[in-house]
Structures are given as C-alpha cells and as structure tokens.
Amino acid sequence: MSEEIKVVRGNPTAEELAAALAVVQARAASSAAGARSGPGSEWADPARLVPARRVPQPGPKAWRTTYWPG
C-alpha cells in the first residue's frame, strides 16, 4: 500500500523530511501491530492473581477483618 505524502507549506530540508517520514512510518507500524494483536493471554491477566475470597461487609469493625486470611 503506497500513499503519497505532499509538503503543503514550507521548504523542509532532506533531514527534516526524513525525520517526519520516520515518525509517520513508526506510528503506522505501531497502529498496525496493535490491530493484529488479538485478546491477551489469560496468563497475562492481572485479575488471576487476586485471591477469590469474600470481601468484608462495611461496618464499624470491618477494618479488623480486612487482612485476615480467607
């Protein structure tokens, strides 16, 4: 897929034009890589590290049971 880039205003040097095109190309490559990556692995999901235990109910002494082993 080849698209044309046109300088509308100004007279950039070869180095400035190369830098601008490098940024455009890097952004296009990163967005294309993001579109290809599907849903993440379940192993990478941080929610799997959270222990499945009951959360204490709110109340005047709930702070006591906050760190009790479940």
N, C-alpha and C. Protein backbone atom coordinates (compact mmCIF):
# COMPACT_ATOMS: atom_id res chain seq x y z
N MET A 1 0.86 -1.18 0.00
CA MET A 1 0.00 0.00 0.00
C MET A 1 0.90 1.23 0.00
N SER A 2 0.89 1.96 -1.06
CA SER A 2 1.73 3.13 -1.19
C SER A 2 0.84 4.36 -1.26
N GLU A 3 1.11 5.27 -0.35
CA GLU A 3 0.35 6.51 -0.36
C GLU A 3 1.31 7.66 -0.55
N GLU A 4 0.80 8.74 -1.05
CA GLU A 4 1.64 9.89 -1.36
C GLU A 4 1.57 10.89 -0.22
N ILE A 5 2.73 11.42 0.15
CA ILE A 5 2.80 12.48 1.15
C ILE A 5 3.30 13.73 0.46
N LYS A 6 2.62 14.83 0.71
CA LYS A 6 2.92 16.07 0.00
C LYS A 6 3.19 17.18 1.01
N VAL A 7 4.26 17.93 0.82
CA VAL A 7 4.56 19.09 1.67
C VAL A 7 3.74 20.26 1.16
N VAL A 8 2.85 20.76 2.01
CA VAL A 8 1.93 21.82 1.60
C VAL A 8 2.52 23.20 1.84
N ARG A 9 3.24 23.35 2.94
CA ARG A 9 3.76 24.67 3.28
C ARG A 9 5.18 24.53 3.77
N GLY A 10 6.03 25.45 3.42
CA GLY A 10 7.41 25.44 3.88
C GLY A 10 8.34 24.73 2.92
N ASN A 11 9.60 24.73 3.27
CA ASN A 11 10.61 24.09 2.44
C ASN A 11 11.52 23.28 3.37
N PRO A 12 11.12 22.05 3.73
CA PRO A 12 11.92 21.28 4.68
C PRO A 12 13.22 20.78 4.04
N THR A 13 14.24 20.66 4.87
CA THR A 13 15.49 20.07 4.39
C THR A 13 15.29 18.57 4.26
N ALA A 14 16.25 17.92 3.67
CA ALA A 14 16.16 16.46 3.50
C ALA A 14 16.11 15.76 4.85
N GLU A 15 16.88 16.28 5.84
CA GLU A 15 16.89 15.67 7.18
C GLU A 15 15.55 15.84 7.88
N GLU A 16 14.93 17.04 7.76
CA GLU A 16 13.63 17.28 8.38
C GLU A 16 12.56 16.40 7.76
N LEU A 17 12.60 16.27 6.46
CA LEU A 17 11.62 15.44 5.77
C LEU A 17 11.79 13.97 6.15
N ALA A 18 13.04 13.52 6.26
CA ALA A 18 13.30 12.14 6.66
C ALA A 18 12.82 11.88 8.09
N ALA A 19 13.03 12.84 8.98
CA ALA A 19 12.57 12.68 10.37
C ALA A 19 11.04 12.62 10.44
N ALA A 20 10.38 13.48 9.69
CA ALA A 20 8.91 13.48 9.69
C ALA A 20 8.37 12.17 9.13
N LEU A 21 8.97 11.68 8.07
CA LEU A 21 8.51 10.43 7.48
C LEU A 21 8.80 9.23 8.40
N ALA A 22 9.89 9.29 9.14
CA ALA A 22 10.18 8.22 10.09
C ALA A 22 9.13 8.16 11.19
N VAL A 23 8.69 9.31 11.66
CA VAL A 23 7.64 9.35 12.69
C VAL A 23 6.33 8.81 12.13
N VAL A 24 5.97 9.21 10.93
CA VAL A 24 4.73 8.73 10.31
C VAL A 24 4.78 7.22 10.12
N GLN A 25 5.91 6.72 9.66
CA GLN A 25 6.06 5.29 9.42
C GLN A 25 6.01 4.51 10.74
N ALA A 26 6.64 5.02 11.77
CA ALA A 26 6.62 4.35 13.07
C ALA A 26 5.21 4.31 13.64
N ARG A 27 4.47 5.40 13.52
CA ARG A 27 3.09 5.42 14.02
C ARG A 27 2.21 4.44 13.25
N ALA A 28 2.40 4.36 11.95
CA ALA A 28 1.61 3.44 11.15
C ALA A 28 1.93 2.00 11.51
N ALA A 29 3.21 1.71 11.74
CA ALA A 29 3.60 0.34 12.10
C ALA A 29 3.06 -0.05 13.46
N SER A 30 3.09 0.89 14.42
CA SER A 30 2.59 0.56 15.76
C SER A 30 1.07 0.39 15.77
N SER A 31 0.36 1.17 14.99
CA SER A 31 -1.10 1.00 14.95
C SER A 31 -1.47 -0.29 14.23
N ALA A 32 -0.68 -0.67 13.23
CA ALA A 32 -0.96 -1.94 12.54
C ALA A 32 -0.66 -3.12 13.46
N ALA A 33 0.39 -3.02 14.27
CA ALA A 33 0.72 -4.10 15.20
C ALA A 33 -0.33 -4.20 16.30
N GLY A 34 -0.87 -3.08 16.72
CA GLY A 34 -1.93 -3.10 17.74
C GLY A 34 -3.21 -3.71 17.22
N ALA A 35 -3.49 -3.52 15.95
CA ALA A 35 -4.71 -4.08 15.36
C ALA A 35 -4.59 -5.59 15.19
N ARG A 36 -3.38 -6.09 14.96
CA ARG A 36 -3.18 -7.52 14.77
C ARG A 36 -3.24 -8.31 16.06
N SER A 37 -2.80 -7.69 17.14
CA SER A 37 -2.77 -8.45 18.39
C SER A 37 -4.20 -8.63 18.91
N GLY A 38 -4.60 -9.85 19.04
CA GLY A 38 -5.95 -10.16 19.48
C GLY A 38 -6.07 -10.04 20.99
N PRO A 39 -7.03 -10.74 21.57
CA PRO A 39 -7.18 -10.67 23.01
C PRO A 39 -5.95 -11.25 23.70
N GLY A 40 -5.60 -10.69 24.84
CA GLY A 40 -4.41 -11.11 25.55
C GLY A 40 -4.56 -12.49 26.15
N SER A 41 -3.45 -13.03 26.51
CA SER A 41 -3.42 -14.35 27.12
C SER A 41 -4.01 -14.28 28.52
N GLU A 42 -4.65 -15.36 28.94
CA GLU A 42 -5.19 -15.39 30.30
C GLU A 42 -4.07 -15.39 31.33
N TRP A 43 -2.90 -15.87 30.96
CA TRP A 43 -1.77 -15.87 31.87
C TRP A 43 -1.30 -14.45 32.16
N ALA A 44 -1.50 -13.54 31.25
CA ALA A 44 -1.07 -12.16 31.44
C ALA A 44 -2.12 -11.32 32.16
N ASP A 45 -3.29 -11.87 32.42
CA ASP A 45 -4.36 -11.13 33.06
C ASP A 45 -4.05 -10.93 34.54
N PRO A 46 -3.92 -9.70 35.02
CA PRO A 46 -3.59 -9.49 36.43
C PRO A 46 -4.71 -9.93 37.38
N ALA A 47 -5.92 -10.07 36.89
CA ALA A 47 -7.03 -10.47 37.75
C ALA A 47 -6.88 -11.90 38.24
N ARG A 48 -6.09 -12.70 37.57
CA ARG A 48 -5.94 -14.09 38.00
C ARG A 48 -5.10 -14.20 39.27
N LEU A 49 -4.37 -13.14 39.62
CA LEU A 49 -3.55 -13.16 40.82
C LEU A 49 -4.32 -12.74 42.07
N VAL A 50 -5.50 -12.18 41.89
CA VAL A 50 -6.31 -11.73 43.01
C VAL A 50 -6.96 -12.94 43.67
N PRO A 51 -6.78 -13.09 44.97
CA PRO A 51 -7.40 -14.25 45.62
C PRO A 51 -8.92 -14.15 45.59
N ALA A 52 -9.56 -15.28 45.41
CA ALA A 52 -11.02 -15.32 45.35
C ALA A 52 -11.55 -15.56 46.76
N ARG A 53 -11.60 -14.54 47.55
CA ARG A 53 -12.15 -14.67 48.90
C ARG A 53 -13.18 -13.59 49.13
N ARG A 54 -13.94 -13.80 50.14
CA ARG A 54 -15.04 -12.89 50.44
C ARG A 54 -14.51 -11.58 50.99
N VAL A 55 -15.03 -10.48 50.50
CA VAL A 55 -14.66 -9.15 50.97
C VAL A 55 -15.52 -8.83 52.19
N PRO A 56 -14.93 -8.28 53.26
CA PRO A 56 -15.73 -7.98 54.45
C PRO A 56 -16.82 -6.95 54.16
N GLN A 57 -17.94 -7.11 54.84
CA GLN A 57 -19.04 -6.17 54.68
C GLN A 57 -18.72 -4.86 55.41
N PRO A 58 -19.17 -3.74 54.87
CA PRO A 58 -18.91 -2.47 55.54
C PRO A 58 -19.57 -2.45 56.91
N GLY A 59 -18.91 -1.84 57.84
CA GLY A 59 -19.44 -1.72 59.19
C GLY A 59 -18.41 -1.09 60.10
N PRO A 60 -18.78 -0.88 61.36
CA PRO A 60 -17.88 -0.18 62.28
C PRO A 60 -16.58 -0.95 62.54
N LYS A 61 -16.56 -2.28 62.46
CA LYS A 61 -15.35 -3.04 62.76
C LYS A 61 -14.85 -3.83 61.56
N ALA A 62 -15.22 -3.41 60.38
CA ALA A 62 -14.82 -4.13 59.17
C ALA A 62 -13.32 -4.04 58.94
N TRP A 63 -12.68 -3.00 59.42
CA TRP A 63 -11.25 -2.84 59.22
C TRP A 63 -10.47 -3.97 59.86
N ARG A 64 -11.03 -4.61 60.91
CA ARG A 64 -10.33 -5.69 61.60
C ARG A 64 -10.18 -6.93 60.72
N THR A 65 -11.16 -7.17 59.87
CA THR A 65 -11.12 -8.37 59.05
C THR A 65 -10.54 -8.14 57.66
N THR A 66 -10.03 -6.93 57.42
CA THR A 66 -9.51 -6.62 56.10
C THR A 66 -8.35 -7.52 55.71
N TYR A 67 -7.44 -7.81 56.65
CA TYR A 67 -6.25 -8.58 56.31
C TYR A 67 -6.26 -9.98 56.89
N TRP A 68 -7.40 -10.47 57.31
CA TRP A 68 -7.48 -11.85 57.81
C TRP A 68 -7.37 -12.81 56.66
N PRO A 69 -6.70 -13.94 56.87
CA PRO A 69 -6.67 -14.94 55.78
C PRO A 69 -8.06 -15.50 55.53
N GLY A 70 -8.36 -15.71 54.29
CA GLY A 70 -9.70 -16.12 53.89
C GLY A 70 -9.91 -17.56 54.02
